[in-house]
Amino acid sequence: MLSGILGRLWKIGRIGLRPPAPEPGRHGLGIALVVRNEADHIGEWAAFHALAGVRRILAYDDGSTDATVAILRDALGERLTIVPWRQRLSVPGPRWEIHNQVLAYAHAAANFGGGLRWMAFIDADEFLIPKCATSLDAALDHLGERRNLSLPWHMFGHSGHGAAPEGGILRNYTRRAADPMSDRRGVRAFKCIVDPCHLTAAGVHAMETDGDTRTCNDRGEAARLAERNRPGFYSAEHVQLNHYYARSQEELAAKIARGPNLLGKAGAYERKVRRTVANIEADEVEDHAALDCLRRMGQA
């Protein structure tokens, strides 16, 4: 029993923080993400979110050696803040690793959140898709004073591609897992958008606002964290989170070779990734939400 408990204490994956004071006239959506050698697709990611009206991108660069940073600067201009983030921190003694991604999220909210109404915490293979509106601000406007939003992953697989196709991700990957709430085999299925001026604890998949873990779906319906896995909580009426998890067969192999952000997970990483892709592709549907959004933006 003790060895099992100790085995779960190898990382610090939740960080408490004092939220920033709101600045006068704060508005808009910011995105915080960690990047590392994303040059193949980061231009498309940046261009899409700029078109969707994201006010600020906070990119934490985990030691990229390719053109990731230059591409982001070219695509985003003054919207972009680059933060060097090449580090692996741990607690002396037990040597519990501090989750570098969570640390970036807490840093982003505490240092840059005061001027923003919303801050999203996603990755470079995840796209926030407005479902009916042409901007994310408009898609979130109906939520009023709500402060903590959980978006379920819509998990996309290979869509039949052995090698990376021409034309980018959004136009080529249109097959995803049929049920966004179905994957419960070690994969947490949500990412969050929160009011950074009320964020009191940060994790990768769950956030605490005002000392409370309650969250809401994109219809504004509230639930506790333990309740958001229920099918009735599912909603993607206003914003859909597309997670292009696998991309092509070649790119999946490269993803596995890069390994995880947490060093302690390296041994089990390939098994986890391949199990997740198999789960996605066991039951797929066509999903054109991103293509419909591009058409509304005049980008089809």
C-alpha atoms as a PDB file:
ATOM      1  CA  MET A   1       0.000   0.000   0.000  1.00  0.00           C
ATOM      2  CA  LEU A   2       2.718   2.470   1.007  1.00  0.00           C
ATOM      3  CA  SER A   3       4.690   1.848  -2.190  1.00  0.00           C
ATOM      4  CA  GLY A   4       1.561   2.537  -4.236  1.00  0.00           C
ATOM      5  CA  ILE A   5       0.948   5.817  -2.414  1.00  0.00           C
ATOM      6  CA  LEU A   6       4.546   6.921  -2.826  1.00  0.00           C
ATOM      7  CA  GLY A   7       4.382   6.044  -6.514  1.00  0.00           C
ATOM      8  CA  ARG A   8       1.633   8.630  -6.946  1.00  0.00           C
ATOM      9  CA  LEU A   9       3.588  11.397  -5.249  1.00  0.00           C
ATOM     10  CA  TRP A  10       6.321  11.727  -7.821  1.00  0.00           C
ATOM     11  CA  LYS A  11       5.100  15.039  -9.271  1.00  0.00           C
ATOM     12  CA  ILE A  12       3.524  18.302  -8.189  1.00  0.00           C
ATOM     13  CA  GLY A  13       0.753  18.833 -10.712  1.00  0.00           C
ATOM     14  CA  ARG A  14      -1.342  21.495  -8.979  1.00  0.00           C
ATOM     15  CA  ILE A  15      -0.046  24.923  -7.962  1.00  0.00           C
ATOM     16  CA  GLY A  16      -1.822  27.504  -5.832  1.00  0.00           C
ATOM     17  CA  LEU A  17      -1.460  31.191  -6.604  1.00  0.00           C
ATOM     18  CA  ARG A  18      -2.617  34.645  -5.633  1.00  0.00           C
ATOM     19  CA  PRO A  19      -4.588  35.953  -8.627  1.00  0.00           C
ATOM     20  CA  PRO A  20      -3.668  39.294 -10.153  1.00  0.00           C
ATOM     21  CA  ALA A  21      -5.694  42.410  -9.460  1.00  0.00           C
ATOM     22  CA  PRO A  22      -7.999  43.298 -12.357  1.00  0.00           C
ATOM     23  CA  GLU A  23      -6.778  46.208 -14.442  1.00  0.00           C
ATOM     24  CA  PRO A  24      -9.163  48.979 -15.534  1.00  0.00           C
ATOM     25  CA  GLY A  25     -10.877  48.111 -18.813  1.00  0.00           C
ATOM     26  CA  ARG A  26      -9.604  44.530 -18.889  1.00  0.00           C
ATOM     27  CA  HIS A  27     -11.003  42.589 -21.800  1.00  0.00           C
ATOM     28  CA  GLY A  28     -10.433  39.854 -24.311  1.00  0.00           C
ATOM     29  CA  LEU A  29      -9.034  36.337 -24.308  1.00  0.00           C
ATOM     30  CA  GLY A  30      -5.433  35.293 -23.804  1.00  0.00           C
ATOM     31  CA  ILE A  31      -3.939  31.854 -24.421  1.00  0.00           C
ATOM     32  CA  ALA A  32      -1.067  30.415 -22.412  1.00  0.00           C
ATOM     33  CA  LEU A  33       0.797  27.460 -23.896  1.00  0.00           C
ATOM     34  CA  VAL A  34       4.143  25.702 -23.688  1.00  0.00           C
ATOM     35  CA  VAL A  35       5.908  25.185 -27.027  1.00  0.00           C
ATOM     36  CA  ARG A  36       8.857  23.051 -28.052  1.00  0.00           C
ATOM     37  CA  ASN A  37       9.868  22.519 -31.687  1.00  0.00           C
ATOM     38  CA  GLU A  38       6.396  23.136 -33.136  1.00  0.00           C
ATOM     39  CA  ALA A  39       7.556  24.757 -36.391  1.00  0.00           C
ATOM     40  CA  ASP A  40       5.648  22.369 -38.685  1.00  0.00           C
ATOM     41  CA  HIS A  41       2.208  23.542 -37.537  1.00  0.00           C
ATOM     42  CA  ILE A  42       2.527  26.499 -35.159  1.00  0.00           C
ATOM     43  CA  GLY A  43       1.973  29.016 -37.972  1.00  0.00           C
ATOM     44  CA  GLU A  44      -1.474  27.580 -38.713  1.00  0.00           C
ATOM     45  CA  TRP A  45      -2.289  27.454 -34.995  1.00  0.00           C
ATOM     46  CA  ALA A  46      -1.245  31.098 -34.487  1.00  0.00           C
ATOM     47  CA  ALA A  47      -2.994  32.400 -37.614  1.00  0.00           C
ATOM     48  CA  PHE A  48      -6.258  30.672 -36.720  1.00  0.00           C
ATOM     49  CA  HIS A  49      -6.379  31.976 -33.160  1.00  0.00           C
ATOM     50  CA  ALA A  50      -5.464  35.472 -34.321  1.00  0.00           C
ATOM     51  CA  LEU A  51      -8.381  35.331 -36.793  1.00  0.00           C
ATOM     52  CA  ALA A  52     -10.597  34.128 -33.945  1.00  0.00           C
ATOM     53  CA  GLY A  53      -9.794  37.328 -32.073  1.00  0.00           C
ATOM     54  CA  VAL A  54      -7.421  36.134 -29.362  1.00  0.00           C
ATOM     55  CA  ARG A  55      -5.956  39.267 -27.834  1.00  0.00           C
ATOM     56  CA  ARG A  56      -2.737  37.866 -26.388  1.00  0.00           C
ATOM     57  CA  ILE A  57      -0.663  34.702 -26.826  1.00  0.00           C
ATOM     58  CA  LEU A  58       1.726  33.814 -24.006  1.00  0.00           C
ATOM     59  CA  ALA A  59       4.130  31.239 -25.428  1.00  0.00           C
ATOM     60  CA  TYR A  60       6.442  29.549 -22.934  1.00  0.00           C
ATOM     61  CA  ASP A  61       9.361  28.270 -24.988  1.00  0.00           C
ATOM     62  CA  ASP A  62      10.724  24.992 -23.616  1.00  0.00           C
ATOM     63  CA  GLY A  63      14.049  25.132 -25.442  1.00  0.00           C
ATOM     64  CA  SER A  64      12.911  25.063 -29.081  1.00  0.00           C
ATOM     65  CA  THR A  65      15.755  24.516 -31.539  1.00  0.00           C
ATOM     66  CA  ASP A  66      13.722  25.050 -34.708  1.00  0.00           C
ATOM     67  CA  ALA A  67      11.871  28.097 -36.085  1.00  0.00           C
ATOM     68  CA  THR A  68       8.940  27.935 -33.649  1.00  0.00           C
ATOM     69  CA  VAL A  69       9.621  31.301 -32.014  1.00  0.00           C
ATOM     70  CA  ALA A  70      10.350  33.105 -35.287  1.00  0.00           C
ATOM     71  CA  ILE A  71       7.129  31.787 -36.853  1.00  0.00           C
ATOM     72  CA  LEU A  72       5.089  32.887 -33.849  1.00  0.00           C
ATOM     73  CA  ARG A  73       6.615  36.365 -33.977  1.00  0.00           C
ATOM     74  CA  ASP A  74       5.903  36.686 -37.677  1.00  0.00           C
ATOM     75  CA  ALA A  75       2.301  35.512 -37.307  1.00  0.00           C
ATOM     76  CA  LEU A  76       1.314  37.349 -34.141  1.00  0.00           C
ATOM     77  CA  GLY A  77       3.385  40.507 -33.836  1.00  0.00           C
ATOM     78  CA  GLU A  78       2.386  42.541 -30.775  1.00  0.00           C
ATOM     79  CA  ARG A  79      -0.113  39.921 -29.624  1.00  0.00           C
ATOM     80  CA  LEU A  80       2.776  37.635 -28.695  1.00  0.00           C
ATOM     81  CA  THR A  81       4.823  37.374 -25.523  1.00  0.00           C
ATOM     82  CA  ILE A  82       7.638  34.802 -25.487  1.00  0.00           C
ATOM     83  CA  VAL A  83       8.802  33.545 -22.091  1.00  0.00           C
ATOM     84  CA  PRO A  84      11.950  31.341 -21.960  1.00  0.00           C
ATOM     85  CA  TRP A  85      10.909  28.216 -20.062  1.00  0.00           C
ATOM     86  CA  ARG A  86      13.637  25.616 -20.448  1.00  0.00           C
ATOM     87  CA  GLN A  87      13.769  24.138 -16.965  1.00  0.00           C
ATOM     88  CA  ARG A  88      13.023  21.023 -14.970  1.00  0.00           C
ATOM     89  CA  LEU A  89      12.367  21.828 -11.328  1.00  0.00           C
ATOM     90  CA  SER A  90      11.960  19.477  -8.398  1.00  0.00           C
ATOM     91  CA  VAL A  91      11.660  19.538  -4.622  1.00  0.00           C
ATOM     92  CA  PRO A  92      14.972  18.641  -2.922  1.00  0.00           C
ATOM     93  CA  GLY A  93      14.885  15.532  -0.772  1.00  0.00           C
ATOM     94  CA  PRO A  94      11.987  13.533  -2.187  1.00  0.00           C
ATOM     95  CA  ARG A  95      12.777  15.030  -5.623  1.00  0.00           C
ATOM     96  CA  TRP A  96       9.163  15.401  -6.611  1.00  0.00           C
ATOM     97  CA  GLU A  97       9.104  16.967 -10.046  1.00  0.00           C
ATOM     98  CA  ILE A  98       7.191  20.232 -10.412  1.00  0.00           C
ATOM     99  CA  HIS A  99       5.034  20.058 -13.524  1.00  0.00           C
ATOM    100  CA  ASN A 100       6.641  22.567 -15.890  1.00  0.00           C
ATOM    101  CA  GLN A 101       3.428  23.137 -17.837  1.00  0.00           C
ATOM    102  CA  VAL A 102       1.390  23.849 -14.716  1.00  0.00           C
ATOM    103  CA  LEU A 103       4.096  26.192 -13.490  1.00  0.00           C
ATOM    104  CA  ALA A 104       3.839  28.082 -16.797  1.00  0.00           C
ATOM    105  CA  TYR A 105       0.078  28.365 -16.457  1.00  0.00           C
ATOM    106  CA  ALA A 106       0.339  29.786 -12.940  1.00  0.00           C
ATOM    107  CA  HIS A 107       3.052  32.217 -14.071  1.00  0.00           C
ATOM    108  CA  ALA A 108       0.974  33.362 -17.052  1.00  0.00           C
ATOM    109  CA  ALA A 109      -2.117  34.084 -14.991  1.00  0.00           C
ATOM    110  CA  ALA A 110      -0.273  35.798 -12.146  1.00  0.00           C
ATOM    111  CA  ASN A 111       1.903  38.006 -14.360  1.00  0.00           C
ATOM    112  CA  PHE A 112      -0.207  38.696 -17.451  1.00  0.00           C
ATOM    113  CA  GLY A 113      -3.804  37.988 -16.453  1.00  0.00           C
ATOM    114  CA  GLY A 114      -4.751  41.336 -14.943  1.00  0.00           C
ATOM    115  CA  GLY A 115      -5.663  42.911 -18.277  1.00  0.00           C
ATOM    116  CA  LEU A 116      -7.660  39.947 -19.621  1.00  0.00           C
ATOM    117  CA  ARG A 117     -11.246  38.812 -19.101  1.00  0.00           C
ATOM    118  CA  TRP A 118     -10.435  35.200 -20.027  1.00  0.00           C
ATOM    119  CA  MET A 119      -7.332  33.050 -20.224  1.00  0.00           C
ATOM    120  CA  ALA A 120      -7.234  29.650 -21.933  1.00  0.00           C
ATOM    121  CA  PHE A 121      -4.658  26.977 -21.133  1.00  0.00           C
ATOM    122  CA  ILE A 122      -4.138  24.708 -24.132  1.00  0.00           C
ATOM    123  CA  ASP A 123      -1.410  23.115 -26.270  1.00  0.00           C
ATOM    124  CA  ALA A 124      -0.162  23.708 -29.801  1.00  0.00           C
ATOM    125  CA  ASP A 125      -2.118  20.687 -31.074  1.00  0.00           C
ATOM    126  CA  GLU A 126      -5.390  22.060 -29.657  1.00  0.00           C
ATOM    127  CA  PHE A 127      -7.635  24.584 -31.404  1.00  0.00           C
ATOM    128  CA  LEU A 128     -10.473  26.601 -29.862  1.00  0.00           C
ATOM    129  CA  ILE A 129     -13.231  26.606 -32.492  1.00  0.00           C
ATOM    130  CA  PRO A 130     -16.101  29.126 -32.266  1.00  0.00           C
ATOM    131  CA  LYS A 131     -19.142  27.080 -33.273  1.00  0.00           C
ATOM    132  CA  CYS A 132     -21.513  29.800 -34.474  1.00  0.00           C
ATOM    133  CA  ALA A 133     -19.740  33.116 -33.962  1.00  0.00           C
ATOM    134  CA  THR A 134     -16.700  34.318 -35.906  1.00  0.00           C
ATOM    135  CA  SER A 135     -14.722  35.199 -32.779  1.00  0.00           C
ATOM    136  CA  LEU A 136     -14.016  33.561 -29.463  1.00  0.00           C
ATOM    137  CA  ASP A 137     -14.983  36.739 -27.601  1.00  0.00           C
ATOM    138  CA  ALA A 138     -18.449  36.542 -29.129  1.00  0.00           C
ATOM    139  CA  ALA A 139     -18.662  32.809 -28.439  1.00  0.00           C
ATOM    140  CA  LEU A 140     -17.952  33.414 -24.730  1.00  0.00           C
ATOM    141  CA  ASP A 141     -19.972  36.596 -24.268  1.00  0.00           C
ATOM    142  CA  HIS A 142     -23.164  34.849 -23.105  1.00  0.00           C
ATOM    143  CA  LEU A 143     -21.357  33.454 -20.041  1.00  0.00           C
ATOM    144  CA  GLY A 144     -21.619  36.782 -18.247  1.00  0.00           C
ATOM    145  CA  GLU A 145     -19.762  36.802 -14.940  1.00  0.00           C
ATOM    146  CA  ARG A 146     -18.922  33.096 -14.896  1.00  0.00           C
ATOM    147  CA  ARG A 147     -15.282  32.426 -14.121  1.00  0.00           C
ATOM    148  CA  ASN A 148     -14.386  28.788 -14.788  1.00  0.00           C
ATOM    149  CA  LEU A 149     -15.186  26.962 -18.035  1.00  0.00           C
ATOM    150  CA  SER A 150     -14.355  23.319 -18.821  1.00  0.00           C
ATOM    151  CA  LEU A 151     -14.198  22.264 -22.484  1.00  0.00           C
ATOM    152  CA  PRO A 152     -14.145  18.558 -23.378  1.00  0.00           C
ATOM    153  CA  TRP A 153     -11.507  17.264 -25.744  1.00  0.00           C
ATOM    154  CA  HIS A 154     -12.705  16.335 -29.223  1.00  0.00           C
ATOM    155  CA  MET A 155      -9.976  13.831 -30.041  1.00  0.00           C
ATOM    156  CA  PHE A 156      -8.810  13.501 -33.654  1.00  0.00           C
ATOM    157  CA  GLY A 157      -6.744  10.581 -34.967  1.00  0.00           C
ATOM    158  CA  HIS A 158      -4.833   9.999 -38.201  1.00  0.00           C
ATOM    159  CA  SER A 159      -7.776  10.590 -40.586  1.00  0.00           C
ATOM    160  CA  GLY A 160      -6.047   8.120 -42.893  1.00  0.00           C
ATOM    161  CA  HIS A 161      -2.798  10.060 -43.308  1.00  0.00           C
ATOM    162  CA  GLY A 162       0.513   8.188 -43.265  1.00  0.00           C
ATOM    163  CA  ALA A 163       2.530  11.361 -43.879  1.00  0.00           C
ATOM    164  CA  ALA A 164       1.703  14.996 -43.167  1.00  0.00           C
ATOM    165  CA  PRO A 165      -0.685  16.204 -45.920  1.00  0.00           C
ATOM    166  CA  GLU A 166      -0.479  19.507 -47.744  1.00  0.00           C
ATOM    167  CA  GLY A 167      -2.884  22.192 -46.579  1.00  0.00           C
ATOM    168  CA  GLY A 168      -2.559  22.046 -42.817  1.00  0.00           C
ATOM    169  CA  ILE A 169      -4.358  20.418 -39.937  1.00  0.00           C
ATOM    170  CA  LEU A 170      -7.836  21.931 -39.923  1.00  0.00           C
ATOM    171  CA  ARG A 171      -8.583  21.101 -43.555  1.00  0.00           C
ATOM    172  CA  ASN A 172      -7.195  17.555 -43.499  1.00  0.00           C
ATOM    173  CA  TYR A 173      -8.101  16.029 -40.149  1.00  0.00           C
ATOM    174  CA  THR A 174     -11.860  15.618 -39.954  1.00  0.00           C
ATOM    175  CA  ARG A 175     -12.364  12.290 -38.152  1.00  0.00           C
ATOM    176  CA  ARG A 176     -12.576  12.177 -34.384  1.00  0.00           C
ATOM    177  CA  ALA A 177     -13.721   9.926 -31.575  1.00  0.00           C
ATOM    178  CA  ALA A 178     -17.506   9.744 -31.738  1.00  0.00           C
ATOM    179  CA  ASP A 179     -18.077  10.380 -28.033  1.00  0.00           C
ATOM    180  CA  PRO A 180     -15.944  13.161 -26.511  1.00  0.00           C
ATOM    181  CA  MET A 181     -16.856  11.844 -23.049  1.00  0.00           C
ATOM    182  CA  SER A 182     -15.866   8.219 -23.699  1.00  0.00           C
ATOM    183  CA  ASP A 183     -12.118   8.070 -22.970  1.00  0.00           C
ATOM    184  CA  ARG A 184     -11.646   7.336 -19.303  1.00  0.00           C
ATOM    185  CA  ARG A 185      -8.551   5.121 -19.519  1.00  0.00           C
ATOM    186  CA  GLY A 186      -6.073   7.460 -17.897  1.00  0.00           C
ATOM    187  CA  VAL A 187      -6.808  10.472 -20.149  1.00  0.00           C
ATOM    188  CA  ARG A 188      -8.463  13.465 -18.534  1.00  0.00           C
ATOM    189  CA  ALA A 189     -10.815  14.904 -21.090  1.00  0.00           C
ATOM    190  CA  PHE A 190     -10.988  18.653 -20.391  1.00  0.00           C
ATOM    191  CA  LYS A 191      -9.033  21.871 -20.768  1.00  0.00           C
ATOM    192  CA  CYS A 192     -10.035  25.141 -19.127  1.00  0.00           C
ATOM    193  CA  ILE A 193     -10.758  28.777 -19.844  1.00  0.00           C
ATOM    194  CA  VAL A 194     -10.933  30.895 -16.697  1.00  0.00           C
ATOM    195  CA  ASP A 195     -11.078  34.438 -15.434  1.00  0.00           C
ATOM    196  CA  PRO A 196      -7.398  34.871 -14.482  1.00  0.00           C
ATOM    197  CA  CYS A 197      -8.234  37.512 -11.868  1.00  0.00           C
ATOM    198  CA  HIS A 198     -10.015  34.818  -9.862  1.00  0.00           C
ATOM    199  CA  LEU A 199      -7.668  31.880 -10.478  1.00  0.00           C
ATOM    200  CA  THR A 200      -6.456  30.425  -7.165  1.00  0.00           C
ATOM    201  CA  ALA A 201      -5.044  27.039  -8.246  1.00  0.00           C
ATOM    202  CA  ALA A 202      -3.845  25.742 -11.604  1.00  0.00           C
ATOM    203  CA  GLY A 203      -3.497  22.264 -13.073  1.00  0.00           C
ATOM    204  CA  VAL A 204      -3.286  20.947 -16.618  1.00  0.00           C
ATOM    205  CA  HIS A 205      -6.901  19.777 -16.792  1.00  0.00           C
ATOM    206  CA  ALA A 206      -8.629  21.475 -13.865  1.00  0.00           C
ATOM    207  CA  MET A 207      -8.591  24.973 -12.405  1.00  0.00           C
ATOM    208  CA  GLU A 208      -9.792  26.438  -9.127  1.00  0.00           C
ATOM    209  CA  THR A 209     -11.320  29.913  -8.995  1.00  0.00           C
ATOM    210  CA  ASP A 210     -11.986  31.816  -5.778  1.00  0.00           C
ATOM    211  CA  GLY A 211     -10.955  28.726  -3.817  1.00  0.00           C
ATOM    212  CA  ASP A 212     -13.745  26.680  -5.436  1.00  0.00           C
ATOM    213  CA  THR A 213     -13.438  23.786  -7.880  1.00  0.00           C
ATOM    214  CA  ARG A 214     -16.861  24.319  -9.430  1.00  0.00           C
ATOM    215  CA  THR A 215     -16.791  24.833 -13.188  1.00  0.00           C
ATOM    216  CA  CYS A 216     -19.299  25.206 -16.021  1.00  0.00           C
ATOM    217  CA  ASN A 217     -19.825  23.955 -19.556  1.00  0.00           C
ATOM    218  CA  ASP A 218     -20.065  26.304 -22.518  1.00  0.00           C
ATOM    219  CA  ARG A 219     -23.820  26.683 -21.947  1.00  0.00           C
ATOM    220  CA  GLY A 220     -22.970  28.102 -18.522  1.00  0.00           C
ATOM    221  CA  GLU A 221     -24.305  25.116 -16.568  1.00  0.00           C
ATOM    222  CA  ALA A 222     -22.331  24.625 -13.358  1.00  0.00           C
ATOM    223  CA  ALA A 223     -20.938  21.385 -11.932  1.00  0.00           C
ATOM    224  CA  ARG A 224     -18.328  20.203  -9.497  1.00  0.00           C
ATOM    225  CA  LEU A 225     -15.214  18.602 -10.974  1.00  0.00           C
ATOM    226  CA  ALA A 226     -16.415  15.107 -10.114  1.00  0.00           C
ATOM    227  CA  GLU A 227     -19.655  15.775 -12.002  1.00  0.00           C
ATOM    228  CA  ARG A 228     -18.276  17.094 -15.266  1.00  0.00           C
ATOM    229  CA  ASN A 229     -17.550  13.554 -16.532  1.00  0.00           C
ATOM    230  CA  ARG A 230     -21.286  12.859 -16.671  1.00  0.00           C
ATOM    231  CA  PRO A 231     -22.766  12.798 -20.191  1.00  0.00           C
ATOM    232  CA  GLY A 232     -25.255  15.541 -19.305  1.00  0.00           C
ATOM    233  CA  PHE A 233     -22.433  18.028 -18.747  1.00  0.00           C
ATOM    234  CA  TYR A 234     -21.207  17.684 -22.319  1.00  0.00           C
ATOM    235  CA  SER A 235     -21.651  20.740 -24.496  1.00  0.00           C
ATOM    236  CA  ALA A 236     -19.920  22.197 -27.530  1.00  0.00           C
ATOM    237  CA  GLU A 237     -22.653  24.579 -28.621  1.00  0.00           C
ATOM    238  CA  HIS A 238     -20.507  27.703 -28.470  1.00  0.00           C
ATOM    239  CA  VAL A 239     -16.831  26.642 -28.347  1.00  0.00           C
ATOM    240  CA  GLN A 240     -15.385  23.300 -29.411  1.00  0.00           C
ATOM    241  CA  LEU A 241     -11.923  22.213 -28.302  1.00  0.00           C
ATOM    242  CA  ASN A 242     -10.337  20.153 -31.084  1.00  0.00           C
ATOM    243  CA  HIS A 243      -7.343  18.099 -29.989  1.00  0.00           C
ATOM    244  CA  TYR A 244      -5.352  16.871 -32.994  1.00  0.00           C
ATOM    245  CA  TYR A 245      -3.712  14.200 -30.943  1.00  0.00           C
ATOM    246  CA  ALA A 246      -2.212  11.856 -33.527  1.00  0.00           C
ATOM    247  CA  ARG A 247      -1.984  13.677 -36.861  1.00  0.00           C
ATOM    248  CA  SER A 248      -0.199  11.498 -39.449  1.00  0.00           C
ATOM    249  CA  GLN A 249       1.493   8.178 -38.738  1.00  0.00           C
ATOM    250  CA  GLU A 250       4.904   9.795 -39.272  1.00  0.00           C
ATOM    251  CA  GLU A 251       4.116  12.668 -36.940  1.00  0.00           C
ATOM    252  CA  LEU A 252       2.858  10.305 -34.256  1.00  0.00           C
ATOM    253  CA  ALA A 253       6.167   8.460 -34.391  1.00  0.00           C
ATOM    254  CA  ALA A 254       7.991  11.777 -33.965  1.00  0.00           C
ATOM    255  CA  LYS A 255       5.747  12.695 -31.044  1.00  0.00           C
ATOM    256  CA  ILE A 256       6.584   9.434 -29.290  1.00  0.00           C
ATOM    257  CA  ALA A 257      10.291   9.961 -29.938  1.00  0.00           C
ATOM    258  CA  ARG A 258      10.169  13.433 -28.336  1.00  0.00           C
ATOM    259  CA  GLY A 259       8.741  11.955 -25.169  1.00  0.00           C
ATOM    260  CA  PRO A 260       6.626  13.550 -22.442  1.00  0.00           C
ATOM    261  CA  ASN A 261       7.044  16.885 -20.681  1.00  0.00           C
ATOM    262  CA  LEU A 262       7.536  15.048 -17.395  1.00  0.00           C
ATOM    263  CA  LEU A 263      10.710  12.974 -17.216  1.00  0.00           C
ATOM    264  CA  GLY A 264       9.156  10.501 -14.809  1.00  0.00           C
ATOM    265  CA  LYS A 265       6.551   9.480 -17.406  1.00  0.00           C
ATOM    266  CA  ALA A 266       9.009   8.532 -20.160  1.00  0.00           C
ATOM    267  CA  GLY A 267       8.814   4.767 -19.642  1.00  0.00           C
ATOM    268  CA  ALA A 268       5.038   4.467 -20.062  1.00  0.00           C
ATOM    269  CA  TYR A 269       4.610   7.257 -22.613  1.00  0.00           C
ATOM    270  CA  GLU A 270       4.552   5.228 -25.846  1.00  0.00           C
ATOM    271  CA  ARG A 271       2.060   2.723 -24.440  1.00  0.00           C
ATOM    272  CA  LYS A 272      -0.222   5.541 -23.320  1.00  0.00           C
ATOM    273  CA  VAL A 273      -0.072   7.361 -26.666  1.00  0.00           C
ATOM    274  CA  ARG A 274      -0.777   4.272 -28.761  1.00  0.00           C
ATOM    275  CA  ARG A 275      -3.596   3.204 -26.442  1.00  0.00           C
ATOM    276  CA  THR A 276      -5.166   6.644 -26.768  1.00  0.00           C
ATOM    277  CA  VAL A 277      -4.984   6.611 -30.583  1.00  0.00           C
ATOM    278  CA  ALA A 278      -6.547   3.138 -30.678  1.00  0.00           C
ATOM    279  CA  ASN A 279      -9.365   4.384 -28.475  1.00  0.00           C
ATOM    280  CA  ILE A 280      -9.961   7.385 -30.752  1.00  0.00           C
ATOM    281  CA  GLU A 281     -10.094   5.308 -33.914  1.00  0.00           C
ATOM    282  CA  ALA A 282     -12.236   2.502 -32.509  1.00  0.00           C
ATOM    283  CA  ASP A 283     -15.355   4.597 -33.168  1.00  0.00           C
ATOM    284  CA  GLU A 284     -15.002   7.727 -35.316  1.00  0.00           C
ATOM    285  CA  VAL A 285     -17.297  10.323 -36.857  1.00  0.00           C
ATOM    286  CA  GLU A 286     -16.735  13.083 -39.405  1.00  0.00           C
ATOM    287  CA  ASP A 287     -16.471  16.507 -37.788  1.00  0.00           C
ATOM    288  CA  HIS A 288     -16.435  19.662 -39.937  1.00  0.00           C
ATOM    289  CA  ALA A 289     -16.788  22.245 -37.157  1.00  0.00           C
ATOM    290  CA  ALA A 290     -13.358  23.711 -37.941  1.00  0.00           C
ATOM    291  CA  LEU A 291     -14.085  23.853 -41.685  1.00  0.00           C
ATOM    292  CA  ASP A 292     -17.421  25.556 -41.031  1.00  0.00           C
ATOM    293  CA  CYS A 293     -15.646  28.097 -38.835  1.00  0.00           C
ATOM    294  CA  LEU A 294     -13.059  28.808 -41.537  1.00  0.00           C
ATOM    295  CA  ARG A 295     -15.892  29.433 -44.018  1.00  0.00           C
ATOM    296  CA  ARG A 296     -17.543  31.909 -41.629  1.00  0.00           C
ATOM    297  CA  MET A 297     -14.188  33.663 -41.310  1.00  0.00           C
ATOM    298  CA  GLY A 298     -13.860  33.818 -45.098  1.00  0.00           C
ATOM    299  CA  GLN A 299     -10.904  31.396 -45.101  1.00  0.00           C
ATOM    300  CA  ALA A 300     -12.440  28.382 -46.878  1.00  0.00           C
END
